[in-house]
Amino acid sequence: MTQTCFRTADGEFHAFEGSSDHAGCCFGNCTHVWNYETTTQYLFPSLAQSLRRHAFGFSQDEQGGMRHRQLLPDKIQRYPYAAADGQMGQIIKAYMDWRLSGDTEHLRSLWPAIQRGISFAWIPGGWDRDRTGVMDGVQHNTYDVEFYGPNPLTGIYYLGALRAAEEIAHALGATAEAREYRRLFDAGSRWTDANLFNGEYYYQKIRPIPKEQIAPTTVSGMGSDRPDHPEFQLGDGCLADQLIGQYLADLAGLGPLVSRGNIDKTLAAIYKYNFRADLMQHDSVQRVYALNDEPALLVCDYGRGARSKIPFPYYAEAWTGIEYLVAAQMITAGMLDQGLRCVDSARRRFDGERRNPWDEPECGHHYARAMSAWSVLVALSGFDYHAGERALTARPRTPGRPFRSFWSAAAGWGSFAYTADRFIFSVVEGRLPVRSVALQAGSKISAKLGPDPIAAELKPDRTLVFSREIIVSPRRDLTVLLSR
């Protein structure tokens, strides 16, 4: 780790957003930045749980508003306001933590705070004050401003949080709560597709809101002085991370949050409008992270829609933390070549000659958002593990080719490989309980654990269900013989 991250004497994990030359940059485990990364969840689950304890701990106020920066020492003072994207993303991540670890007691300890985190959206003057499943209030977000009115960035995050809360409620036996979260999700998802999709991508409906109708803990200082004529808005722009809620939902196994067809069209539009083979004709009057002959994916493009006189900050920049996120989504959606091109473009800029390959800056060096890069490996490998159901998935996005990949979850780590006639899943450290494995291929299958045959049934969707729970451990590989 760099100085971006540190642990206090009690063992708890804390982080800046990045590192300035002589001090940390942007303090407090900033939720809307740290939501982009998945490295802690897959590689360092205890650190991920520490982040969640703070987000749902004293940082959350009595109404349920999660102040998006933690102030240290803890339990003395709270940051002034909450970020809509940061709060909703942490709810999805709480579900992801449980899914990868199966630690139900940790999840249960967070459940009251998760419920408050959802219901905070419904407070008077809040994000979804009419309880419709649509965020149409004033929503502070990772662009350091408030978006006024419905938009895909925070709105689809909200849909993801409702789905995650529904699954958590089911896991903990809270059926009434699960039904309510599902009702809101269904209503919000339908509304978003019907009202925010322009045929190519999702956009923002800007809605001025009188200042007296805005909950005070939802606004910062930048751009909030004229709520009757809000500045710094997304509007008609094509935002590269407009589907970040779907990005986390993909990793959490929550399914599509909006129309699957619209998701695919949006990813195609992001590649069409935001990707640049070079930046010779691109003007960025803010921070410059890519220039001249370098390729990049821009934060936002206004090629189709009108750009406001004062657009939101950073729209013309290129952030690797978003490029990796979009690449992972494209790979998951079957746009393998486009996704890999986004990764290659970022790595070409940080190739060791142009820039330091170990330092991808944004607001400071070694910026945390760039750890979204781990999601590319997860997407490409098709690895997933639901610890509660003991359900393993290993479906690489390169069908028909030999494939080998690293995998990791809370219970351990190792590798898996496909050859022409077999699948081998190995554990190097830890032990992985497995009841089923969803495979890439094969119509006739036999399996063994180490040298011992295992009785199993192959389902029509190519999921192999074992007659009993097995434990994959070091030197006891799971081997599946495949025949077509």
Protein backbone atom coordinates (compact mmCIF):
# COMPACT_ATOMS: atom_id res chain seq x y z
CA MET A 1 0.00 0.00 0.00
CA THR A 2 0.96 3.63 -0.42
CA GLN A 3 0.38 6.49 1.99
CA THR A 4 -3.12 6.73 0.53
CA CYS A 5 -4.14 4.05 3.05
CA PHE A 6 -3.33 3.50 6.72
CA ARG A 7 -4.48 1.58 9.79
CA THR A 8 -4.98 3.03 13.23
CA ALA A 9 -3.78 1.37 16.44
CA ASP A 10 -7.10 -0.45 16.84
CA GLY A 11 -6.51 -2.22 13.50
CA GLU A 12 -9.20 -0.30 11.61
CA PHE A 13 -8.59 0.62 7.99
CA HIS A 14 -8.76 4.23 6.77
CA ALA A 15 -7.85 6.01 3.58
CA PHE A 16 -7.50 9.24 1.70
CA GLU A 17 -8.65 9.48 -1.89
CA GLY A 18 -5.04 9.86 -3.00
CA SER A 19 -1.67 11.22 -1.88
CA SER A 20 -0.35 14.72 -2.47
CA ASP A 21 3.39 15.29 -2.57
CA HIS A 22 3.67 15.97 1.16
CA ALA A 23 0.30 14.99 2.68
CA GLY A 24 -2.78 12.90 2.11
CA CYS A 25 -5.28 14.23 -0.41
CA CYS A 26 -9.04 14.29 0.35
CA PHE A 27 -9.54 12.48 3.65
CA GLY A 28 -12.09 10.24 5.21
CA ASN A 29 -12.65 6.96 3.30
CA CYS A 30 -14.65 9.04 0.82
CA THR A 31 -17.55 6.74 -0.01
CA HIS A 32 -18.28 7.93 -3.52
CA VAL A 33 -14.64 7.43 -4.56
CA TRP A 34 -14.03 4.16 -2.74
CA ASN A 35 -17.22 2.69 -4.23
CA TYR A 36 -15.43 2.37 -7.58
CA GLU A 37 -12.78 -0.02 -6.31
CA THR A 38 -13.31 -3.74 -5.74
CA THR A 39 -9.75 -4.68 -4.77
CA THR A 40 -10.40 -4.61 -1.03
CA GLN A 41 -13.48 -6.82 -1.34
CA TYR A 42 -11.83 -9.54 -3.40
CA LEU A 43 -8.31 -9.43 -1.96
CA PHE A 44 -8.57 -7.88 1.52
CA PRO A 45 -12.09 -8.60 2.83
CA SER A 46 -11.28 -7.62 6.42
CA LEU A 47 -10.32 -4.15 5.16
CA ALA A 48 -13.55 -3.94 3.20
CA GLN A 49 -15.55 -4.82 6.32
CA SER A 50 -13.67 -2.11 8.22
CA LEU A 51 -14.71 0.46 5.62
CA ARG A 52 -18.31 -0.66 6.01
CA ARG A 53 -18.21 -0.47 9.82
CA HIS A 54 -17.24 3.19 9.61
CA ALA A 55 -19.68 4.08 6.83
CA PHE A 56 -22.59 2.52 8.72
CA GLY A 57 -21.24 3.51 12.13
CA PHE A 58 -20.85 6.97 13.61
CA SER A 59 -20.54 8.45 10.11
CA GLN A 60 -24.23 7.73 9.68
CA ASP A 61 -26.47 10.25 11.44
CA GLU A 62 -29.70 9.59 13.33
CA GLN A 63 -31.82 10.07 10.18
CA GLY A 64 -29.73 7.58 8.25
CA GLY A 65 -27.67 10.06 6.26
CA MET A 66 -24.19 8.64 5.67
CA ARG A 67 -21.72 11.52 5.88
CA HIS A 68 -19.43 10.56 3.04
CA ARG A 69 -16.15 11.43 4.79
CA GLN A 70 -15.19 9.99 8.15
CA LEU A 71 -13.65 12.40 10.63
CA LEU A 72 -10.95 11.09 12.96
CA PRO A 73 -10.86 10.56 15.88
CA ASP A 74 -14.09 8.65 15.35
CA LYS A 75 -17.32 9.33 17.31
CA ILE A 76 -16.59 13.00 17.96
CA GLN A 77 -17.73 14.95 14.91
CA ARG A 78 -19.46 14.22 11.60
CA TYR A 79 -18.86 15.64 8.14
CA PRO A 80 -21.61 18.14 7.18
CA TYR A 81 -23.46 16.28 4.39
CA ALA A 82 -24.14 12.97 2.67
CA ALA A 83 -23.45 11.95 -0.94
CA ALA A 84 -26.24 10.09 -2.72
CA ASP A 85 -23.93 7.95 -4.85
CA GLY A 86 -21.62 7.20 -1.91
CA GLN A 87 -24.46 6.11 0.36
CA MET A 88 -26.24 3.88 -2.16
CA GLY A 89 -23.00 2.26 -3.27
CA GLN A 90 -22.09 1.34 0.29
CA ILE A 91 -25.40 -0.52 0.63
CA ILE A 92 -24.59 -2.58 -2.48
CA LYS A 93 -21.08 -3.19 -1.15
CA ALA A 94 -22.43 -4.41 2.20
CA TYR A 95 -24.32 -7.07 0.25
CA MET A 96 -21.20 -7.87 -1.83
CA ASP A 97 -19.14 -8.32 1.35
CA TRP A 98 -21.64 -10.87 2.62
CA ARG A 99 -21.93 -12.63 -0.73
CA LEU A 100 -18.17 -13.16 -0.96
CA SER A 101 -17.69 -14.08 2.71
CA GLY A 102 -20.94 -15.60 3.98
CA ASP A 103 -20.44 -13.64 7.23
CA THR A 104 -24.10 -13.36 8.17
CA GLU A 105 -23.41 -12.00 11.65
CA HIS A 106 -21.51 -9.05 10.21
CA LEU A 107 -24.38 -8.43 7.79
CA ARG A 108 -26.94 -8.72 10.57
CA SER A 109 -25.03 -6.16 12.64
CA LEU A 110 -25.30 -3.68 9.74
CA TRP A 111 -28.95 -4.38 8.90
CA PRO A 112 -30.58 -1.61 11.00
CA ALA A 113 -28.14 0.93 9.53
CA ILE A 114 -28.76 -0.38 6.01
CA GLN A 115 -32.49 0.12 6.51
CA ARG A 116 -31.89 3.67 7.76
CA GLY A 117 -29.60 4.24 4.78
CA ILE A 118 -32.43 3.44 2.39
CA SER A 119 -35.11 5.36 4.30
CA PHE A 120 -32.92 8.48 4.44
CA ALA A 121 -33.80 8.93 0.77
CA TRP A 122 -37.43 9.42 1.83
CA ILE A 123 -36.99 12.25 4.37
CA PRO A 124 -38.69 15.60 3.64
CA GLY A 125 -36.58 17.42 1.08
CA GLY A 126 -34.57 14.26 0.43
CA TRP A 127 -33.49 12.35 -2.63
CA ASP A 128 -36.76 10.42 -3.09
CA ARG A 129 -39.06 12.38 -0.83
CA ASP A 130 -42.23 10.99 -2.50
CA ARG A 131 -41.04 7.38 -2.17
CA THR A 132 -41.36 6.54 -5.85
CA GLY A 133 -38.13 4.64 -6.47
CA VAL A 134 -36.76 7.66 -8.35
CA MET A 135 -34.17 10.11 -7.03
CA ASP A 136 -35.53 13.49 -8.08
CA GLY A 137 -34.15 15.66 -5.27
CA VAL A 138 -30.76 17.31 -4.79
CA GLN A 139 -28.02 14.69 -4.99
CA HIS A 140 -24.42 15.42 -4.04
CA ASN A 141 -22.07 13.12 -5.92
CA THR A 142 -18.50 12.28 -6.87
CA TYR A 143 -18.24 15.27 -9.21
CA ASP A 144 -18.19 17.51 -6.11
CA VAL A 145 -21.51 19.14 -6.98
CA GLU A 146 -25.21 18.42 -6.63
CA PHE A 147 -27.28 17.08 -9.50
CA TYR A 148 -30.79 18.56 -9.40
CA GLY A 149 -33.43 16.16 -10.64
CA PRO A 150 -33.45 12.57 -11.95
CA ASN A 151 -30.21 11.35 -13.48
CA PRO A 152 -28.64 7.95 -14.22
CA LEU A 153 -25.58 8.25 -11.99
CA THR A 154 -27.35 8.39 -8.65
CA GLY A 155 -30.70 7.04 -9.83
CA ILE A 156 -29.36 3.68 -11.01
CA TYR A 157 -27.19 3.51 -7.88
CA TYR A 158 -30.43 3.84 -5.89
CA LEU A 159 -32.00 0.99 -7.86
CA GLY A 160 -28.96 -1.14 -7.07
CA ALA A 161 -29.22 -0.32 -3.37
CA LEU A 162 -32.92 -1.26 -3.36
CA ARG A 163 -32.11 -4.61 -4.98
CA ALA A 164 -29.26 -5.22 -2.55
CA ALA A 165 -31.49 -4.33 0.41
CA GLU A 166 -34.14 -6.71 -0.95
CA GLU A 167 -31.63 -9.59 -1.09
CA ILE A 168 -30.28 -8.76 2.36
CA ALA A 169 -33.83 -8.72 3.74
CA HIS A 170 -34.48 -12.16 2.25
CA ALA A 171 -31.22 -13.49 3.70
CA LEU A 172 -32.20 -12.23 7.17
CA GLY A 173 -35.84 -13.31 6.99
CA ALA A 174 -37.32 -9.78 6.72
CA THR A 175 -39.93 -10.60 4.07
CA ALA A 176 -42.10 -7.48 4.48
CA GLU A 177 -39.11 -5.19 4.00
CA ALA A 178 -37.99 -7.23 1.00
CA ARG A 179 -41.39 -6.75 -0.66
CA GLU A 180 -41.30 -2.98 -0.14
CA TYR A 181 -37.78 -2.63 -1.54
CA ARG A 182 -38.83 -4.70 -4.55
CA ARG A 183 -41.91 -2.55 -5.12
CA LEU A 184 -39.82 0.60 -5.14
CA PHE A 185 -37.20 -0.98 -7.37
CA ASP A 186 -39.74 -2.11 -9.95
CA ALA A 187 -41.42 1.31 -10.03
CA GLY A 188 -38.11 3.20 -10.25
CA SER A 189 -36.69 0.91 -12.92
CA ARG A 190 -39.75 1.30 -15.15
CA TRP A 191 -39.75 5.09 -14.71
CA THR A 192 -36.05 5.40 -15.50
CA ASP A 193 -36.36 3.46 -18.75
CA ALA A 194 -39.48 5.39 -19.77
CA ASN A 195 -38.22 8.88 -18.89
CA LEU A 196 -34.41 9.07 -18.89
CA PHE A 197 -33.41 6.91 -21.88
CA ASN A 198 -33.04 8.92 -25.10
CA GLY A 199 -32.68 5.94 -27.42
CA GLU A 200 -28.90 5.73 -26.98
CA TYR A 201 -28.09 6.45 -23.34
CA TYR A 202 -29.52 7.81 -20.07
CA TYR A 203 -29.48 11.54 -19.38
CA GLN A 204 -30.51 13.99 -16.65
CA LYS A 205 -33.80 15.88 -16.35
CA ILE A 206 -32.69 19.08 -14.59
CA ARG A 207 -35.28 20.25 -12.05
CA PRO A 208 -34.85 23.48 -10.07
CA ILE A 209 -35.85 23.02 -6.42
CA PRO A 210 -36.60 25.87 -4.00
CA LYS A 211 -33.94 26.14 -1.33
CA GLU A 212 -36.42 25.76 1.53
CA GLN A 213 -37.48 22.38 0.11
CA ILE A 214 -33.99 20.85 0.27
CA ALA A 215 -32.84 18.77 3.25
CA PRO A 216 -29.76 20.61 4.60
CA THR A 217 -27.60 17.48 4.99
CA THR A 218 -27.83 16.71 1.25
CA VAL A 219 -26.02 19.77 -0.12
CA SER A 220 -22.45 21.08 -0.12
CA GLY A 221 -21.33 24.59 -1.01
CA MET A 222 -20.29 24.29 -4.66
CA GLY A 223 -23.12 25.11 -7.06
CA SER A 224 -25.81 25.12 -4.38
CA ASP A 225 -26.30 28.88 -4.10
CA ARG A 226 -28.79 29.06 -7.01
CA PRO A 227 -31.12 26.07 -6.67
CA ASP A 228 -33.72 27.90 -8.79
CA HIS A 229 -31.21 27.93 -11.71
CA PRO A 230 -28.79 25.09 -10.88
CA GLU A 231 -25.35 25.17 -12.45
CA PHE A 232 -22.80 22.36 -12.85
CA GLN A 233 -25.34 19.85 -14.19
CA LEU A 234 -25.02 16.78 -16.43
CA GLY A 235 -28.05 17.51 -18.58
CA ASP A 236 -27.93 15.88 -22.04
CA GLY A 237 -24.35 14.64 -21.73
CA CYS A 238 -23.28 11.03 -22.21
CA LEU A 239 -21.67 10.23 -18.86
CA ALA A 240 -19.09 7.42 -18.92
CA ASP A 241 -20.00 6.14 -15.44
CA GLN A 242 -23.76 6.60 -15.77
CA LEU A 243 -24.16 2.84 -15.19
CA ILE A 244 -21.91 2.56 -12.14
CA GLY A 245 -24.85 1.25 -10.14
CA GLN A 246 -25.17 -1.52 -12.73
CA TYR A 247 -21.41 -2.12 -12.53
CA LEU A 248 -21.66 -2.96 -8.83
CA ALA A 249 -24.89 -4.89 -9.44
CA ASP A 250 -23.10 -7.06 -12.01
CA LEU A 251 -20.37 -7.89 -9.52
CA ALA A 252 -22.95 -8.54 -6.79
CA GLY A 253 -25.09 -10.82 -8.97
CA LEU A 254 -28.14 -8.54 -8.68
CA GLY A 255 -29.16 -8.72 -12.34
CA PRO A 256 -30.12 -5.84 -14.63
CA LEU A 257 -31.38 -2.72 -12.84
CA VAL A 258 -32.91 -1.25 -15.98
CA SER A 259 -33.73 -2.72 -19.40
CA ARG A 260 -31.01 -5.14 -20.55
CA GLY A 261 -31.37 -3.80 -24.08
CA ASN A 262 -30.95 -0.23 -22.88
CA ILE A 263 -27.84 -1.20 -20.91
CA ASP A 264 -26.26 -2.65 -24.06
CA LYS A 265 -27.19 0.42 -26.11
CA THR A 266 -25.78 2.71 -23.43
CA LEU A 267 -22.44 0.92 -23.36
CA ALA A 268 -22.27 1.14 -27.15
CA ALA A 269 -23.04 4.88 -26.94
CA ILE A 270 -20.34 5.44 -24.30
CA TYR A 271 -17.81 3.82 -26.62
CA LYS A 272 -19.15 5.78 -29.61
CA TYR A 273 -19.18 9.20 -27.95
CA ASN A 274 -16.63 9.11 -25.11
CA PHE A 275 -13.76 7.06 -26.51
CA ARG A 276 -11.04 8.96 -28.38
CA ALA A 277 -8.31 7.25 -30.40
CA ASP A 278 -6.24 10.38 -29.71
CA LEU A 279 -6.78 13.78 -28.10
CA MET A 280 -5.26 16.04 -30.74
CA GLN A 281 -8.56 17.91 -31.21
CA HIS A 282 -9.77 17.66 -27.60
CA ASP A 283 -9.81 20.67 -25.28
CA SER A 284 -9.58 20.20 -21.54
CA VAL A 285 -9.19 23.37 -19.50
CA GLN A 286 -9.11 21.50 -16.21
CA ARG A 287 -6.71 18.81 -15.05
CA VAL A 288 -4.88 17.03 -17.87
CA TYR A 289 -4.32 13.30 -17.43
CA ALA A 290 -4.18 12.46 -21.15
CA LEU A 291 -3.21 14.56 -24.17
CA ASN A 292 -1.93 14.76 -27.73
CA ASP A 293 -1.55 11.33 -29.40
CA GLU A 294 -2.86 9.41 -26.38
CA PRO A 295 -6.15 7.46 -26.47
CA ALA A 296 -8.63 7.85 -23.62
CA LEU A 297 -12.23 7.49 -22.54
CA LEU A 298 -13.58 10.90 -21.53
CA VAL A 299 -15.69 11.42 -18.41
CA CYS A 300 -18.53 12.98 -20.43
CA ASP A 301 -19.28 13.85 -24.04
CA TYR A 302 -21.79 16.36 -25.40
CA GLY A 303 -21.56 15.27 -29.04
CA ARG A 304 -25.28 14.49 -29.20
CA GLY A 305 -26.75 16.71 -26.48
CA ALA A 306 -26.46 20.40 -25.72
CA ARG A 307 -23.81 21.40 -23.18
CA SER A 308 -24.86 23.95 -20.61
CA LYS A 309 -22.90 27.18 -20.27
CA ILE A 310 -21.50 25.97 -16.94
CA PRO A 311 -21.32 22.14 -17.09
CA PHE A 312 -20.37 19.95 -14.17
CA PRO A 313 -16.68 19.87 -13.17
CA TYR A 314 -14.22 17.40 -14.69
CA TYR A 315 -16.48 16.49 -17.63
CA ALA A 316 -13.63 16.84 -20.18
CA GLU A 317 -11.06 14.87 -18.17
CA ALA A 318 -10.04 11.19 -18.46
CA TRP A 319 -9.92 9.08 -15.28
CA THR A 320 -8.51 5.58 -15.32
CA GLY A 321 -10.87 4.67 -12.46
CA ILE A 322 -13.78 5.20 -14.85
CA GLU A 323 -12.02 3.65 -17.85
CA TYR A 324 -11.52 0.35 -16.00
CA LEU A 325 -15.10 0.42 -14.72
CA VAL A 326 -16.50 0.88 -18.21
CA ALA A 327 -14.14 -1.77 -19.58
CA ALA A 328 -15.39 -4.28 -17.01
CA GLN A 329 -19.00 -3.51 -17.94
CA MET A 330 -18.29 -3.88 -21.63
CA ILE A 331 -16.55 -7.22 -21.11
CA THR A 332 -19.46 -8.45 -19.00
CA ALA A 333 -21.91 -7.37 -21.72
CA GLY A 334 -20.00 -9.20 -24.47
CA MET A 335 -18.16 -6.15 -25.87
CA LEU A 336 -14.80 -7.83 -25.33
CA ASP A 337 -12.77 -5.95 -27.95
CA GLN A 338 -14.08 -2.54 -26.91
CA GLY A 339 -13.50 -3.27 -23.23
CA LEU A 340 -9.94 -4.44 -23.76
CA ARG A 341 -9.24 -1.40 -25.94
CA CYS A 342 -10.26 0.86 -23.04
CA VAL A 343 -7.85 -1.00 -20.75
CA ASP A 344 -5.07 -0.90 -23.33
CA SER A 345 -5.56 2.84 -23.81
CA ALA A 346 -5.15 3.51 -20.09
CA ARG A 347 -2.09 1.27 -19.81
CA ARG A 348 -0.46 2.89 -22.85
CA ARG A 349 -0.54 6.21 -21.01
CA PHE A 350 1.05 4.64 -17.91
CA ASP A 351 3.62 2.51 -19.71
CA GLY A 352 6.68 3.40 -17.63
CA GLU A 353 8.00 5.93 -20.17
CA ARG A 354 5.17 8.43 -20.46
CA ARG A 355 4.10 8.02 -16.83
CA ASN A 356 4.73 5.94 -13.73
CA PRO A 357 2.91 2.59 -14.22
CA TRP A 358 2.36 2.29 -10.46
CA ASP A 359 0.83 5.74 -9.93
CA GLU A 360 -2.43 6.65 -11.63
CA PRO A 361 -3.32 10.11 -10.29
CA GLU A 362 -6.56 12.01 -10.08
CA CYS A 363 -6.90 14.15 -6.97
CA GLY A 364 -3.48 13.10 -5.70
CA HIS A 365 -1.13 10.26 -6.58
CA HIS A 366 -2.00 6.56 -6.19
CA TYR A 367 -5.66 7.45 -6.49
CA ALA A 368 -8.11 4.95 -5.00
CA ARG A 369 -10.66 5.07 -7.84
CA ALA A 370 -8.11 3.41 -10.14
CA MET A 371 -8.43 0.21 -8.09
CA SER A 372 -11.56 -0.44 -10.15
CA ALA A 373 -8.97 -2.17 -12.36
CA TRP A 374 -9.48 -5.36 -10.34
CA SER A 375 -13.02 -5.56 -11.72
CA VAL A 376 -11.59 -6.09 -15.21
CA LEU A 377 -9.99 -9.35 -14.05
CA VAL A 378 -13.23 -10.44 -12.40
CA ALA A 379 -15.24 -9.60 -15.53
CA LEU A 380 -12.81 -11.28 -17.92
CA SER A 381 -12.50 -14.44 -15.82
CA GLY A 382 -16.23 -14.70 -15.18
CA PHE A 383 -15.48 -15.70 -11.58
CA ASP A 384 -18.17 -15.37 -8.95
CA TYR A 385 -18.76 -16.96 -5.57
CA HIS A 386 -21.90 -16.78 -3.45
CA ALA A 387 -20.67 -17.95 -0.05
CA GLY A 388 -24.16 -18.16 1.42
CA GLU A 389 -25.29 -20.61 -1.28
CA ARG A 390 -21.86 -22.21 -1.77
CA ALA A 391 -22.34 -21.41 -5.47
CA LEU A 392 -19.25 -21.06 -7.65
CA THR A 393 -19.27 -19.57 -11.15
CA ALA A 394 -16.32 -19.78 -13.55
CA ARG A 395 -17.38 -18.63 -16.99
CA PRO A 396 -14.61 -16.72 -18.81
CA ARG A 397 -15.64 -14.18 -21.44
CA THR A 398 -13.36 -15.93 -23.97
CA PRO A 399 -15.44 -18.98 -24.94
CA GLY A 400 -13.79 -21.78 -26.84
CA ARG A 401 -10.23 -20.83 -25.88
CA PRO A 402 -7.89 -22.31 -23.27
CA PHE A 403 -8.04 -20.05 -20.23
CA ARG A 404 -6.31 -19.74 -16.88
CA SER A 405 -7.01 -17.18 -14.18
CA PHE A 406 -6.36 -16.18 -10.60
CA TRP A 407 -9.41 -16.05 -8.30
CA SER A 408 -9.96 -14.77 -4.78
CA ALA A 409 -12.74 -14.56 -2.22
CA ALA A 410 -12.91 -14.16 1.54
CA ALA A 411 -12.37 -17.89 2.12
CA GLY A 412 -9.21 -18.21 0.07
CA TRP A 413 -7.49 -17.79 -3.26
CA GLY A 414 -6.10 -19.87 -6.08
CA SER A 415 -6.53 -20.40 -9.81
CA PHE A 416 -8.78 -22.13 -12.27
CA ALA A 417 -8.20 -23.30 -15.82
CA TYR A 418 -10.08 -24.54 -18.86
CA THR A 419 -8.51 -26.76 -21.48
CA ALA A 420 -10.26 -28.49 -24.36
CA ASP A 421 -11.61 -31.31 -22.22
CA ARG A 422 -11.46 -30.27 -18.56
CA PHE A 423 -11.98 -27.62 -15.92
CA ILE A 424 -9.61 -27.54 -12.93
CA PHE A 425 -10.30 -25.38 -9.88
CA SER A 426 -7.44 -25.08 -7.39
CA VAL A 427 -7.04 -23.53 -3.94
CA VAL A 428 -3.61 -22.29 -2.86
CA GLU A 429 -4.59 -20.77 0.49
CA GLY A 430 -7.78 -21.30 2.47
CA ARG A 431 -10.69 -23.64 1.69
CA LEU A 432 -13.77 -23.11 -0.44
CA PRO A 433 -17.07 -24.88 0.31
CA VAL A 434 -18.93 -25.63 -2.93
CA ARG A 435 -22.40 -27.04 -3.65
CA SER A 436 -22.58 -26.09 -7.33
CA VAL A 437 -20.39 -24.75 -10.11
CA ALA A 438 -21.65 -22.90 -13.18
CA LEU A 439 -19.40 -23.90 -16.07
CA GLN A 440 -18.54 -22.44 -19.43
CA ALA A 441 -19.12 -25.54 -21.54
CA GLY A 442 -19.78 -29.26 -21.62
CA SER A 443 -22.79 -31.50 -22.20
CA LYS A 444 -21.53 -34.70 -20.56
CA ILE A 445 -19.59 -34.20 -17.40
CA SER A 446 -17.88 -36.16 -14.63
CA ALA A 447 -16.22 -34.67 -11.57
CA LYS A 448 -13.76 -35.55 -8.86
CA LEU A 449 -12.30 -33.90 -5.78
CA GLY A 450 -8.65 -34.81 -5.61
CA PRO A 451 -8.66 -38.50 -6.61
CA ASP A 452 -12.24 -39.14 -5.43
CA PRO A 453 -15.22 -39.19 -7.81
CA ILE A 454 -18.17 -36.93 -6.90
CA ALA A 455 -21.80 -37.58 -7.76
CA ALA A 456 -23.31 -34.57 -9.51
CA GLU A 457 -26.18 -33.53 -11.77
CA LEU A 458 -25.74 -31.25 -14.77
CA LYS A 459 -28.58 -28.74 -15.13
CA PRO A 460 -29.70 -27.35 -18.54
CA ASP A 461 -27.92 -24.05 -17.84
CA ARG A 462 -24.58 -25.93 -17.46
CA THR A 463 -24.59 -25.68 -13.69
CA LEU A 464 -23.16 -28.77 -12.03
CA VAL A 465 -24.91 -29.49 -8.71
CA PHE A 466 -23.11 -31.87 -6.35
CA SER A 467 -24.94 -34.47 -4.26
CA ARG A 468 -23.25 -33.04 -1.16
CA GLU A 469 -21.21 -30.02 -0.20
CA ILE A 470 -17.55 -30.42 -1.06
CA ILE A 471 -14.51 -28.57 0.28
CA VAL A 472 -11.89 -27.54 -2.26
CA SER A 473 -8.58 -27.10 -0.43
CA PRO A 474 -4.84 -27.10 -1.18
CA ARG A 475 -3.81 -30.28 -3.01
CA ARG A 476 -7.47 -31.31 -3.41
CA ASP A 477 -8.44 -29.76 -6.72
CA LEU A 478 -11.91 -29.88 -8.20
CA THR A 479 -11.57 -31.43 -11.64
CA VAL A 480 -14.45 -31.63 -14.11
CA LEU A 481 -14.03 -33.64 -17.29
CA LEU A 482 -15.91 -32.03 -20.19
CA SER A 483 -17.21 -33.67 -23.33
CA ARG A 484 -19.31 -32.07 -26.05
